[in-house]
Amino acid sequence: EGDDEANPIKRAGTGGLSGRGLSPRRCDDTCGIAYFYARLGGPSSRTVLSSLLTDVQGAELYYTFALAGSAALTVDFQWTDSAIRGVQDAFLLACRLNVDF
C-alpha cells in the first residue's frame, strides 16, 4: 500500500508465468505471460489531475525461439490500458533478435 501523502498509487500488483521446453522438438524455447494492475488513490484523487486519471492495467505475452548457436528470436505482444480517461488502450507487437558472442 502506498504512502497517502506522496504516492498517487494506492495499490499495485504484478504476476507472471514462464516456461521452457514446451515441445520436445523445441526444448530451448521459452515463453511467458504477465499481468499488472495499479489502483490510483491518495491525495491525488482530490486534485484536478485525478479527474483525468483512472486505474491502469496491462499484460504481456512472449515466445522466444532458440535459433542455431547463440541466437534467439523473441516475439512479444503487450497491452496497456491508458491511465488517462478518454485515451485508447495501447497495443504493441515487437520482434527482437538477440545474438550472444
N, C-alpha and C. Protein backbone atom coordinates (compact mmCIF):
# COMPACT_ATOMS: atom_id res chain seq x y z
N GLU A 1 0.85 -1.18 0.00
CA GLU A 1 0.00 0.00 0.00
C GLU A 1 0.89 1.23 0.00
N GLY A 2 0.50 2.25 -0.78
CA GLY A 2 1.32 3.44 -0.94
C GLY A 2 1.16 4.43 0.19
N ASP A 3 2.10 5.36 0.26
CA ASP A 3 2.07 6.46 1.22
C ASP A 3 1.00 7.46 0.78
N ASP A 4 -0.04 7.65 1.60
CA ASP A 4 -1.16 8.51 1.22
C ASP A 4 -0.77 9.96 1.03
N GLU A 5 0.37 10.39 1.56
CA GLU A 5 0.77 11.78 1.43
C GLU A 5 1.55 12.07 0.15
N ALA A 6 2.20 11.09 -0.43
CA ALA A 6 3.08 11.37 -1.56
C ALA A 6 2.85 10.50 -2.80
N ASN A 7 2.29 9.35 -2.64
CA ASN A 7 2.22 8.39 -3.73
C ASN A 7 0.83 8.35 -4.35
N PRO A 8 0.69 8.62 -5.65
CA PRO A 8 -0.63 8.55 -6.27
C PRO A 8 -1.12 7.12 -6.47
N ILE A 9 -0.25 6.13 -6.30
CA ILE A 9 -0.65 4.73 -6.46
C ILE A 9 -1.05 4.17 -5.10
N LYS A 10 -2.30 3.78 -5.00
CA LYS A 10 -2.83 3.25 -3.75
C LYS A 10 -2.42 1.79 -3.56
N ARG A 11 -2.58 1.01 -4.62
CA ARG A 11 -2.20 -0.41 -4.59
C ARG A 11 -1.68 -0.80 -5.96
N ALA A 12 -0.79 -1.79 -5.99
CA ALA A 12 -0.27 -2.29 -7.26
C ALA A 12 0.05 -3.77 -7.11
N GLY A 13 -0.10 -4.48 -8.19
CA GLY A 13 0.23 -5.90 -8.17
C GLY A 13 0.68 -6.36 -9.55
N THR A 14 1.55 -7.34 -9.55
CA THR A 14 2.03 -7.94 -10.79
C THR A 14 2.10 -9.44 -10.62
N GLY A 15 2.05 -10.14 -11.71
CA GLY A 15 2.20 -11.58 -11.67
C GLY A 15 2.55 -12.10 -13.05
N GLY A 16 3.18 -13.25 -13.09
CA GLY A 16 3.54 -13.82 -14.38
C GLY A 16 3.96 -15.26 -14.27
N LEU A 17 3.95 -15.92 -15.40
CA LEU A 17 4.39 -17.31 -15.51
C LEU A 17 5.29 -17.42 -16.73
N SER A 18 6.31 -18.26 -16.63
CA SER A 18 7.15 -18.52 -17.80
C SER A 18 7.49 -20.00 -17.82
N GLY A 19 7.83 -20.46 -19.00
CA GLY A 19 8.16 -21.88 -19.16
C GLY A 19 9.21 -22.09 -20.22
N ARG A 20 9.81 -23.25 -20.18
CA ARG A 20 10.87 -23.62 -21.15
C ARG A 20 10.57 -25.02 -21.66
N GLY A 21 10.89 -25.22 -22.92
CA GLY A 21 10.77 -26.56 -23.50
C GLY A 21 9.34 -27.07 -23.56
N LEU A 22 8.46 -26.27 -24.10
CA LEU A 22 7.05 -26.69 -24.17
C LEU A 22 6.80 -27.78 -25.19
N SER A 23 7.77 -27.96 -26.09
CA SER A 23 7.67 -29.01 -27.10
C SER A 23 8.98 -29.80 -27.07
N PRO A 24 8.92 -31.12 -27.20
CA PRO A 24 10.15 -31.91 -27.18
C PRO A 24 11.13 -31.52 -28.30
N ARG A 25 10.61 -31.05 -29.42
CA ARG A 25 11.48 -30.64 -30.52
C ARG A 25 12.02 -29.22 -30.37
N ARG A 26 11.46 -28.44 -29.43
CA ARG A 26 11.89 -27.05 -29.20
C ARG A 26 12.22 -26.87 -27.73
N CYS A 27 13.09 -27.71 -27.20
CA CYS A 27 13.35 -27.76 -25.76
C CYS A 27 14.04 -26.51 -25.20
N ASP A 28 14.67 -25.69 -26.05
CA ASP A 28 15.33 -24.48 -25.56
C ASP A 28 14.48 -23.21 -25.74
N ASP A 29 13.31 -23.33 -26.34
CA ASP A 29 12.41 -22.19 -26.47
C ASP A 29 11.83 -21.83 -25.10
N THR A 30 11.48 -20.56 -24.93
CA THR A 30 10.83 -20.11 -23.71
C THR A 30 9.60 -19.28 -24.07
N CYS A 31 8.68 -19.19 -23.13
CA CYS A 31 7.50 -18.36 -23.32
C CYS A 31 7.04 -17.85 -21.97
N GLY A 32 6.22 -16.82 -22.00
CA GLY A 32 5.73 -16.29 -20.74
C GLY A 32 4.55 -15.38 -20.93
N ILE A 33 3.87 -15.15 -19.82
CA ILE A 33 2.73 -14.26 -19.78
C ILE A 33 2.78 -13.51 -18.44
N ALA A 34 2.41 -12.23 -18.47
CA ALA A 34 2.46 -11.42 -17.25
C ALA A 34 1.30 -10.43 -17.25
N TYR A 35 0.95 -9.95 -16.05
CA TYR A 35 -0.15 -9.01 -15.87
C TYR A 35 0.21 -8.02 -14.77
N PHE A 36 -0.23 -6.78 -14.92
CA PHE A 36 -0.05 -5.81 -13.83
C PHE A 36 -1.31 -4.97 -13.67
N TYR A 37 -1.48 -4.44 -12.46
CA TYR A 37 -2.62 -3.58 -12.14
C TYR A 37 -2.16 -2.55 -11.12
N ALA A 38 -2.55 -1.31 -11.31
CA ALA A 38 -2.24 -0.26 -10.33
C ALA A 38 -3.52 0.54 -10.07
N ARG A 39 -3.85 0.65 -8.78
CA ARG A 39 -5.03 1.42 -8.38
C ARG A 39 -4.57 2.78 -7.87
N LEU A 40 -5.12 3.83 -8.46
CA LEU A 40 -4.74 5.17 -8.06
C LEU A 40 -5.59 5.61 -6.88
N GLY A 41 -5.03 6.45 -6.05
CA GLY A 41 -5.74 6.94 -4.87
C GLY A 41 -4.89 7.94 -4.12
N GLY A 42 -5.20 8.17 -2.85
CA GLY A 42 -4.43 9.11 -2.05
C GLY A 42 -4.83 10.54 -2.35
N PRO A 43 -3.99 11.50 -1.98
CA PRO A 43 -4.33 12.90 -2.16
C PRO A 43 -4.53 13.28 -3.62
N SER A 44 -3.86 12.57 -4.53
CA SER A 44 -4.03 12.89 -5.95
C SER A 44 -5.47 12.67 -6.39
N SER A 45 -6.22 11.85 -5.64
CA SER A 45 -7.61 11.61 -6.01
C SER A 45 -8.48 12.83 -5.74
N ARG A 46 -7.92 13.84 -5.07
CA ARG A 46 -8.67 15.06 -4.78
C ARG A 46 -8.21 16.24 -5.64
N THR A 47 -7.35 16.02 -6.60
CA THR A 47 -6.83 17.10 -7.43
C THR A 47 -7.53 17.12 -8.78
N VAL A 48 -7.32 18.21 -9.51
CA VAL A 48 -7.88 18.33 -10.85
C VAL A 48 -7.32 17.23 -11.75
N LEU A 49 -6.03 16.93 -11.60
CA LEU A 49 -5.39 15.90 -12.41
C LEU A 49 -6.08 14.56 -12.23
N SER A 50 -6.52 14.27 -11.02
CA SER A 50 -7.14 12.97 -10.77
C SER A 50 -8.43 12.78 -11.56
N SER A 51 -9.10 13.86 -11.94
CA SER A 51 -10.32 13.71 -12.73
C SER A 51 -10.00 13.19 -14.13
N LEU A 52 -8.73 13.29 -14.54
CA LEU A 52 -8.30 12.79 -15.84
C LEU A 52 -7.77 11.36 -15.78
N LEU A 53 -7.46 10.87 -14.57
CA LEU A 53 -6.79 9.59 -14.42
C LEU A 53 -7.72 8.50 -13.94
N THR A 54 -7.36 7.28 -14.28
CA THR A 54 -8.09 6.11 -13.83
C THR A 54 -7.09 4.99 -13.52
N ASP A 55 -7.54 3.93 -12.88
CA ASP A 55 -6.67 2.79 -12.61
C ASP A 55 -6.10 2.26 -13.92
N VAL A 56 -4.95 1.62 -13.84
CA VAL A 56 -4.27 1.16 -15.05
C VAL A 56 -3.93 -0.33 -14.91
N GLN A 57 -3.98 -1.03 -16.03
CA GLN A 57 -3.62 -2.44 -16.06
C GLN A 57 -3.02 -2.77 -17.42
N GLY A 58 -2.32 -3.89 -17.48
CA GLY A 58 -1.72 -4.31 -18.74
C GLY A 58 -1.26 -5.75 -18.68
N ALA A 59 -0.87 -6.27 -19.85
CA ALA A 59 -0.45 -7.66 -19.94
C ALA A 59 0.62 -7.79 -21.03
N GLU A 60 1.39 -8.85 -20.92
CA GLU A 60 2.42 -9.16 -21.91
C GLU A 60 2.44 -10.66 -22.16
N LEU A 61 2.66 -11.02 -23.41
CA LEU A 61 2.78 -12.41 -23.83
C LEU A 61 3.98 -12.48 -24.77
N TYR A 62 4.90 -13.42 -24.52
CA TYR A 62 6.06 -13.53 -25.41
C TYR A 62 6.40 -14.99 -25.68
N TYR A 63 7.09 -15.20 -26.80
CA TYR A 63 7.63 -16.51 -27.13
C TYR A 63 9.02 -16.28 -27.70
N THR A 64 10.02 -17.00 -27.18
CA THR A 64 11.39 -16.88 -27.66
C THR A 64 11.80 -18.18 -28.34
N PHE A 65 12.15 -18.05 -29.61
CA PHE A 65 12.60 -19.19 -30.40
C PHE A 65 14.13 -19.28 -30.28
N ALA A 66 14.62 -20.39 -29.76
CA ALA A 66 16.07 -20.62 -29.71
C ALA A 66 16.52 -20.99 -31.12
N LEU A 67 17.45 -20.21 -31.66
CA LEU A 67 17.95 -20.46 -33.01
C LEU A 67 19.30 -21.14 -32.93
N ALA A 68 19.89 -21.42 -34.07
CA ALA A 68 21.18 -22.11 -34.12
C ALA A 68 22.24 -21.33 -33.34
N GLY A 69 23.06 -22.04 -32.59
CA GLY A 69 24.14 -21.40 -31.85
C GLY A 69 23.63 -20.56 -30.69
N SER A 70 24.07 -19.31 -30.66
CA SER A 70 23.75 -18.46 -29.51
C SER A 70 22.79 -17.33 -29.90
N ALA A 71 21.86 -17.62 -30.78
CA ALA A 71 20.89 -16.62 -31.22
C ALA A 71 19.48 -17.01 -30.77
N ALA A 72 18.68 -15.98 -30.52
CA ALA A 72 17.29 -16.21 -30.13
C ALA A 72 16.41 -15.10 -30.71
N LEU A 73 15.24 -15.47 -31.18
CA LEU A 73 14.29 -14.52 -31.73
C LEU A 73 13.06 -14.51 -30.83
N THR A 74 12.71 -13.32 -30.31
CA THR A 74 11.57 -13.18 -29.41
C THR A 74 10.46 -12.40 -30.12
N VAL A 75 9.25 -12.95 -30.04
CA VAL A 75 8.05 -12.25 -30.50
C VAL A 75 7.29 -11.86 -29.23
N ASP A 76 6.92 -10.57 -29.14
CA ASP A 76 6.38 -10.03 -27.90
C ASP A 76 5.12 -9.23 -28.20
N PHE A 77 4.05 -9.48 -27.43
CA PHE A 77 2.82 -8.69 -27.54
C PHE A 77 2.54 -8.06 -26.18
N GLN A 78 2.27 -6.76 -26.18
CA GLN A 78 1.96 -6.06 -24.93
C GLN A 78 0.68 -5.25 -25.10
N TRP A 79 -0.09 -5.18 -24.03
CA TRP A 79 -1.30 -4.36 -23.98
C TRP A 79 -1.29 -3.58 -22.67
N THR A 80 -1.62 -2.30 -22.77
CA THR A 80 -1.77 -1.46 -21.59
C THR A 80 -3.00 -0.59 -21.78
N ASP A 81 -3.90 -0.61 -20.80
CA ASP A 81 -4.99 0.35 -20.90
C ASP A 81 -4.46 1.69 -20.39
N SER A 82 -5.00 2.75 -20.91
CA SER A 82 -4.48 4.07 -20.59
C SER A 82 -4.92 4.51 -19.20
N ALA A 83 -4.02 5.16 -18.49
CA ALA A 83 -4.36 5.73 -17.19
C ALA A 83 -5.08 7.07 -17.36
N ILE A 84 -5.14 7.57 -18.58
CA ILE A 84 -5.79 8.85 -18.86
C ILE A 84 -7.17 8.58 -19.44
N ARG A 85 -8.19 9.08 -18.80
CA ARG A 85 -9.56 8.87 -19.26
C ARG A 85 -9.72 9.38 -20.69
N GLY A 86 -10.41 8.60 -21.51
CA GLY A 86 -10.67 9.01 -22.89
C GLY A 86 -9.58 8.68 -23.88
N VAL A 87 -8.44 8.16 -23.41
CA VAL A 87 -7.35 7.77 -24.31
C VAL A 87 -7.43 6.26 -24.52
N GLN A 88 -7.30 5.86 -25.78
CA GLN A 88 -7.43 4.44 -26.12
C GLN A 88 -6.30 3.60 -25.55
N ASP A 89 -6.58 2.30 -25.42
CA ASP A 89 -5.57 1.34 -24.98
C ASP A 89 -4.40 1.32 -25.96
N ALA A 90 -3.24 0.90 -25.48
CA ALA A 90 -2.05 0.77 -26.32
C ALA A 90 -1.76 -0.71 -26.56
N PHE A 91 -1.44 -1.04 -27.80
CA PHE A 91 -1.08 -2.40 -28.19
C PHE A 91 0.27 -2.34 -28.89
N LEU A 92 1.15 -3.27 -28.57
CA LEU A 92 2.48 -3.29 -29.16
C LEU A 92 2.83 -4.72 -29.56
N LEU A 93 3.25 -4.89 -30.79
CA LEU A 93 3.76 -6.17 -31.27
C LEU A 93 5.20 -5.92 -31.70
N ALA A 94 6.12 -6.69 -31.14
CA ALA A 94 7.54 -6.46 -31.42
C ALA A 94 8.28 -7.77 -31.63
N CYS A 95 9.37 -7.69 -32.34
CA CYS A 95 10.30 -8.81 -32.52
C CYS A 95 11.68 -8.33 -32.10
N ARG A 96 12.43 -9.23 -31.49
CA ARG A 96 13.78 -8.89 -31.04
C ARG A 96 14.71 -10.07 -31.35
N LEU A 97 15.81 -9.78 -31.98
CA LEU A 97 16.83 -10.79 -32.26
C LEU A 97 18.00 -10.55 -31.31
N ASN A 98 18.35 -11.57 -30.55
CA ASN A 98 19.46 -11.48 -29.60
C ASN A 98 20.55 -12.47 -30.02
N VAL A 99 21.75 -11.95 -30.19
CA VAL A 99 22.88 -12.81 -30.55
C VAL A 99 23.98 -12.60 -29.51
N ASP A 100 24.39 -13.68 -28.86
CA ASP A 100 25.48 -13.63 -27.89
C ASP A 100 26.77 -14.06 -28.57
N PHE A 101 27.80 -13.27 -28.35
CA PHE A 101 29.12 -13.66 -28.91
C PHE A 101 30.22 -13.17 -28.01
